[in-house]
């Protein structure tokens, strides 16, 4: 699962570059993939994001992503931002720290 903020983040460059083909491809991956579910950002996630920002000094997009995962009952949060490993309430997996298979 991911939050809709992912859509905001991945569409910026294709939109700047006039790449409607990539906009459509990314939208399809995030919104229509059977392996991925986009989660709306609601009031509970907003309050959790505020708490995460206060406690961990996260940037708003990171706080929204993590809060949405926590509120949706995710067991793990996958990221490549090692600074997020400090967060409590969810197991944070940092891609660069995972063992190679």
N, C-alpha and C. Protein backbone atom coordinates (compact mmCIF):
# COMPACT_ATOMS: atom_id res chain seq x y z
N UNK A 1 0.84 -1.17 0.00
CA UNK A 1 0.00 0.00 0.00
C UNK A 1 0.88 1.23 0.00
N UNK A 2 0.32 2.30 -0.44
CA UNK A 2 0.99 3.60 -0.43
C UNK A 2 -0.08 4.66 -0.28
N UNK A 3 0.32 5.86 0.07
CA UNK A 3 -0.66 6.93 0.17
C UNK A 3 -0.72 7.69 -1.14
N UNK A 4 -1.75 8.48 -1.31
CA UNK A 4 -1.90 9.27 -2.53
C UNK A 4 -0.80 10.31 -2.68
N UNK A 5 -0.06 10.60 -1.61
CA UNK A 5 1.05 11.54 -1.73
C UNK A 5 2.10 11.00 -2.71
N UNK A 6 2.18 9.71 -2.87
CA UNK A 6 3.10 9.13 -3.84
C UNK A 6 2.76 9.60 -5.24
N UNK A 7 1.49 9.69 -5.54
CA UNK A 7 1.06 10.19 -6.84
C UNK A 7 1.54 11.63 -7.04
N UNK A 8 1.41 12.44 -6.01
CA UNK A 8 1.88 13.83 -6.08
C UNK A 8 3.38 13.84 -6.38
N UNK A 9 4.14 13.01 -5.70
CA UNK A 9 5.59 13.03 -5.84
C UNK A 9 6.07 12.49 -7.18
N UNK A 10 5.47 11.42 -7.69
CA UNK A 10 5.99 10.83 -8.92
C UNK A 10 5.52 11.53 -10.19
N UNK A 11 4.46 12.33 -10.10
CA UNK A 11 3.97 13.00 -11.31
C UNK A 11 4.65 14.32 -11.62
N UNK A 12 5.39 14.88 -10.68
CA UNK A 12 5.97 16.21 -10.87
C UNK A 12 6.90 16.26 -12.08
N UNK A 13 7.90 15.41 -12.15
CA UNK A 13 8.86 15.46 -13.26
C UNK A 13 8.20 15.19 -14.62
N UNK A 14 7.38 14.15 -14.74
CA UNK A 14 6.73 13.95 -16.04
C UNK A 14 5.88 15.14 -16.46
N UNK A 15 5.20 15.78 -15.52
CA UNK A 15 4.39 16.95 -15.84
C UNK A 15 5.28 18.12 -16.27
N UNK A 16 6.38 18.33 -15.57
CA UNK A 16 7.32 19.40 -15.95
C UNK A 16 7.88 19.19 -17.35
N UNK A 17 8.11 17.94 -17.68
CA UNK A 17 8.73 17.60 -18.96
C UNK A 17 7.71 17.35 -20.07
N UNK A 18 6.42 17.55 -19.77
CA UNK A 18 5.40 17.34 -20.78
C UNK A 18 5.26 15.89 -21.21
N UNK A 19 5.57 14.97 -20.32
CA UNK A 19 5.54 13.54 -20.64
C UNK A 19 4.23 12.91 -20.17
N UNK A 20 3.17 13.19 -20.91
CA UNK A 20 1.85 12.67 -20.57
C UNK A 20 1.85 11.14 -20.57
N UNK A 21 2.69 10.53 -21.40
CA UNK A 21 2.80 9.07 -21.43
C UNK A 21 3.26 8.53 -20.07
N UNK A 22 4.23 9.20 -19.45
CA UNK A 22 4.70 8.78 -18.13
C UNK A 22 3.69 9.09 -17.04
N UNK A 23 3.00 10.21 -17.17
CA UNK A 23 1.94 10.55 -16.21
C UNK A 23 0.91 9.42 -16.20
N UNK A 24 0.48 9.01 -17.38
CA UNK A 24 -0.52 7.94 -17.48
C UNK A 24 0.03 6.61 -16.98
N UNK A 25 1.28 6.30 -17.30
CA UNK A 25 1.89 5.04 -16.85
C UNK A 25 2.01 5.00 -15.33
N UNK A 26 2.51 6.09 -14.73
CA UNK A 26 2.65 6.12 -13.28
C UNK A 26 1.30 6.06 -12.59
N UNK A 27 0.33 6.77 -13.14
CA UNK A 27 -1.02 6.74 -12.58
C UNK A 27 -1.58 5.32 -12.62
N UNK A 28 -1.38 4.64 -13.74
CA UNK A 28 -1.87 3.26 -13.86
C UNK A 28 -1.20 2.34 -12.84
N UNK A 29 0.11 2.48 -12.68
CA UNK A 29 0.84 1.63 -11.73
C UNK A 29 0.32 1.86 -10.32
N UNK A 30 0.17 3.12 -9.94
CA UNK A 30 -0.23 3.42 -8.56
C UNK A 30 -1.70 3.18 -8.27
N UNK A 31 -2.55 3.35 -9.27
CA UNK A 31 -3.99 3.27 -9.01
C UNK A 31 -4.66 2.01 -9.53
N UNK A 32 -3.99 1.30 -10.42
CA UNK A 32 -4.65 0.13 -11.01
C UNK A 32 -3.89 -1.18 -10.84
N UNK A 33 -2.75 -1.14 -10.21
CA UNK A 33 -1.96 -2.35 -10.03
C UNK A 33 -2.63 -3.26 -9.00
N UNK A 34 -2.77 -4.55 -9.30
CA UNK A 34 -3.36 -5.45 -8.32
C UNK A 34 -2.43 -5.68 -7.11
N UNK A 35 -1.17 -5.34 -7.25
CA UNK A 35 -0.21 -5.56 -6.18
C UNK A 35 -0.03 -4.34 -5.28
N UNK A 36 -0.70 -3.24 -5.61
CA UNK A 36 -0.52 -2.01 -4.86
C UNK A 36 -1.86 -1.34 -4.63
N UNK A 37 -2.05 -0.83 -3.43
CA UNK A 37 -3.29 -0.13 -3.11
C UNK A 37 -2.96 1.28 -2.61
N UNK A 38 -3.54 2.28 -3.24
CA UNK A 38 -3.35 3.67 -2.81
C UNK A 38 -4.38 3.99 -1.74
N UNK A 39 -3.91 4.52 -0.63
CA UNK A 39 -4.75 4.79 0.54
C UNK A 39 -5.01 6.29 0.64
N UNK A 40 -6.28 6.68 0.79
CA UNK A 40 -6.59 8.11 0.99
C UNK A 40 -6.02 8.61 2.32
N UNK A 41 -5.72 9.87 2.36
CA UNK A 41 -5.23 10.54 3.56
C UNK A 41 -6.43 11.10 4.30
N UNK A 42 -6.67 10.63 5.53
CA UNK A 42 -7.85 11.06 6.27
C UNK A 42 -7.46 11.80 7.55
N UNK A 43 -8.46 12.16 8.34
CA UNK A 43 -8.24 12.93 9.57
C UNK A 43 -7.34 12.20 10.55
N UNK A 44 -7.56 10.90 10.74
CA UNK A 44 -6.73 10.14 11.68
C UNK A 44 -5.28 10.11 11.23
N UNK A 45 -5.06 9.90 9.93
CA UNK A 45 -3.70 9.91 9.40
C UNK A 45 -3.09 11.31 9.54
N UNK A 46 -3.90 12.35 9.37
CA UNK A 46 -3.41 13.72 9.51
C UNK A 46 -2.91 13.96 10.93
N UNK A 47 -3.68 13.50 11.91
CA UNK A 47 -3.27 13.69 13.30
C UNK A 47 -2.03 12.86 13.62
N UNK A 48 -1.96 11.65 13.08
CA UNK A 48 -0.76 10.82 13.28
C UNK A 48 0.44 11.47 12.60
N UNK A 49 0.25 12.05 11.43
CA UNK A 49 1.34 12.73 10.73
C UNK A 49 1.84 13.92 11.56
N UNK A 50 0.94 14.64 12.16
CA UNK A 50 1.34 15.77 13.02
C UNK A 50 2.15 15.26 14.20
N UNK A 51 1.71 14.17 14.81
CA UNK A 51 2.46 13.59 15.94
C UNK A 51 3.85 13.17 15.49
N UNK A 52 3.93 12.49 14.35
CA UNK A 52 5.23 12.05 13.84
C UNK A 52 6.14 13.24 13.54
N UNK A 53 5.58 14.30 12.99
CA UNK A 53 6.38 15.51 12.72
C UNK A 53 6.90 16.10 14.02
N UNK A 54 6.03 16.14 15.05
CA UNK A 54 6.42 16.73 16.33
C UNK A 54 7.50 15.90 17.02
N UNK A 55 7.32 14.59 17.04
CA UNK A 55 8.24 13.71 17.77
C UNK A 55 9.54 13.48 17.00
N UNK A 56 9.45 13.25 15.69
CA UNK A 56 10.62 12.85 14.90
C UNK A 56 11.15 13.93 13.97
N UNK A 57 10.48 15.09 13.96
CA UNK A 57 10.89 16.20 13.09
C UNK A 57 10.94 15.80 11.61
N UNK A 58 9.92 15.06 11.18
CA UNK A 58 9.84 14.61 9.80
C UNK A 58 9.34 15.73 8.90
N UNK A 59 9.70 15.65 7.63
CA UNK A 59 9.10 16.54 6.63
C UNK A 59 7.66 16.07 6.43
N UNK A 60 6.79 16.98 6.05
CA UNK A 60 5.37 16.66 5.91
C UNK A 60 5.11 15.47 4.97
N UNK A 61 5.71 15.40 3.77
CA UNK A 61 5.42 14.24 2.91
C UNK A 61 5.80 12.91 3.56
N UNK A 62 6.96 12.89 4.25
CA UNK A 62 7.37 11.65 4.93
C UNK A 62 6.40 11.31 6.05
N UNK A 63 5.99 12.31 6.81
CA UNK A 63 5.05 12.07 7.91
C UNK A 63 3.72 11.54 7.38
N UNK A 64 3.26 12.08 6.26
CA UNK A 64 2.00 11.60 5.67
C UNK A 64 2.14 10.15 5.22
N UNK A 65 3.24 9.83 4.57
CA UNK A 65 3.45 8.45 4.10
C UNK A 65 3.44 7.47 5.28
N UNK A 66 4.23 7.77 6.29
CA UNK A 66 4.34 6.87 7.44
C UNK A 66 3.02 6.80 8.20
N UNK A 67 2.39 7.93 8.41
CA UNK A 67 1.11 7.95 9.14
C UNK A 67 0.05 7.14 8.41
N UNK A 68 0.00 7.27 7.10
CA UNK A 68 -0.97 6.50 6.32
C UNK A 68 -0.70 5.01 6.46
N UNK A 69 0.56 4.63 6.44
CA UNK A 69 0.91 3.21 6.62
C UNK A 69 0.48 2.71 7.99
N UNK A 70 0.78 3.49 9.03
CA UNK A 70 0.42 3.09 10.39
C UNK A 70 -1.10 2.99 10.52
N UNK A 71 -1.82 3.99 10.07
CA UNK A 71 -3.28 4.00 10.19
C UNK A 71 -3.94 2.90 9.37
N UNK A 72 -3.28 2.46 8.31
CA UNK A 72 -3.84 1.41 7.46
C UNK A 72 -3.50 0.01 7.95
N UNK A 73 -2.71 -0.06 9.02
CA UNK A 73 -2.37 -1.35 9.60
C UNK A 73 -1.21 -2.06 8.93
N UNK A 74 -0.39 -1.32 8.20
CA UNK A 74 0.78 -1.94 7.56
C UNK A 74 1.74 -2.44 8.63
N UNK A 75 2.38 -3.56 8.36
CA UNK A 75 3.34 -4.10 9.33
C UNK A 75 4.74 -3.53 9.12
N UNK A 76 5.03 -3.09 7.89
CA UNK A 76 6.36 -2.57 7.56
C UNK A 76 6.23 -1.33 6.68
N UNK A 77 7.25 -0.48 6.75
CA UNK A 77 7.33 0.69 5.89
C UNK A 77 8.65 0.59 5.14
N UNK A 78 8.58 0.53 3.82
CA UNK A 78 9.76 0.36 2.98
C UNK A 78 10.21 1.72 2.45
N UNK A 79 11.47 2.04 2.65
CA UNK A 79 12.00 3.34 2.25
C UNK A 79 13.48 3.22 1.91
N UNK A 80 14.02 4.25 1.31
CA UNK A 80 15.46 4.32 1.14
C UNK A 80 16.03 5.49 1.94
N UNK A 81 15.23 6.01 2.85
CA UNK A 81 15.64 7.11 3.70
C UNK A 81 15.99 6.56 5.09
N UNK A 82 17.28 6.40 5.35
CA UNK A 82 17.73 5.80 6.61
C UNK A 82 17.29 6.62 7.82
N UNK A 83 17.04 7.90 7.65
CA UNK A 83 16.60 8.73 8.78
C UNK A 83 15.23 8.30 9.30
N UNK A 84 14.44 7.64 8.48
CA UNK A 84 13.12 7.21 8.92
C UNK A 84 13.17 5.95 9.79
N UNK A 85 14.33 5.31 9.87
CA UNK A 85 14.46 4.08 10.67
C UNK A 85 14.20 4.32 12.15
N UNK A 86 14.28 5.56 12.59
CA UNK A 86 14.07 5.92 14.00
C UNK A 86 12.60 5.87 14.42
N UNK A 87 11.70 5.80 13.50
CA UNK A 87 10.27 5.92 13.79
C UNK A 87 9.76 4.69 14.53
N UNK A 88 8.97 4.94 15.57
CA UNK A 88 8.34 3.86 16.30
C UNK A 88 6.89 3.71 15.83
N UNK A 89 6.31 2.58 16.07
CA UNK A 89 4.92 2.35 15.69
C UNK A 89 4.78 1.53 14.43
N UNK A 90 5.89 1.34 13.71
CA UNK A 90 5.89 0.52 12.51
C UNK A 90 7.34 0.08 12.27
N UNK A 91 7.51 -1.10 11.73
CA UNK A 91 8.85 -1.59 11.40
C UNK A 91 9.30 -0.94 10.09
N UNK A 92 10.38 -0.16 10.15
CA UNK A 92 10.88 0.54 8.97
C UNK A 92 12.00 -0.27 8.36
N UNK A 93 11.83 -0.60 7.08
CA UNK A 93 12.86 -1.34 6.34
C UNK A 93 13.53 -0.37 5.36
N UNK A 94 14.84 -0.22 5.50
CA UNK A 94 15.60 0.66 4.63
C UNK A 94 16.21 -0.19 3.53
N UNK A 95 15.89 0.14 2.28
CA UNK A 95 16.31 -0.67 1.13
C UNK A 95 17.81 -0.93 1.13
N UNK A 96 18.62 0.10 1.33
CA UNK A 96 20.07 -0.08 1.29
C UNK A 96 20.59 -0.95 2.42
N UNK A 97 19.82 -1.14 3.47
CA UNK A 97 20.24 -1.94 4.59
C UNK A 97 19.78 -3.39 4.52
N UNK A 98 18.94 -3.69 3.53
CA UNK A 98 18.44 -5.05 3.40
C UNK A 98 19.52 -5.96 2.81
N UNK A 99 19.58 -7.20 3.26
CA UNK A 99 20.58 -8.12 2.70
C UNK A 99 20.27 -8.41 1.22
N UNK A 100 21.33 -8.51 0.44
CA UNK A 100 21.14 -8.85 -0.97
C UNK A 100 20.81 -10.32 -1.10
N UNK A 101 19.94 -10.63 -2.05
CA UNK A 101 19.58 -12.05 -2.21
C UNK A 101 20.20 -12.62 -3.45
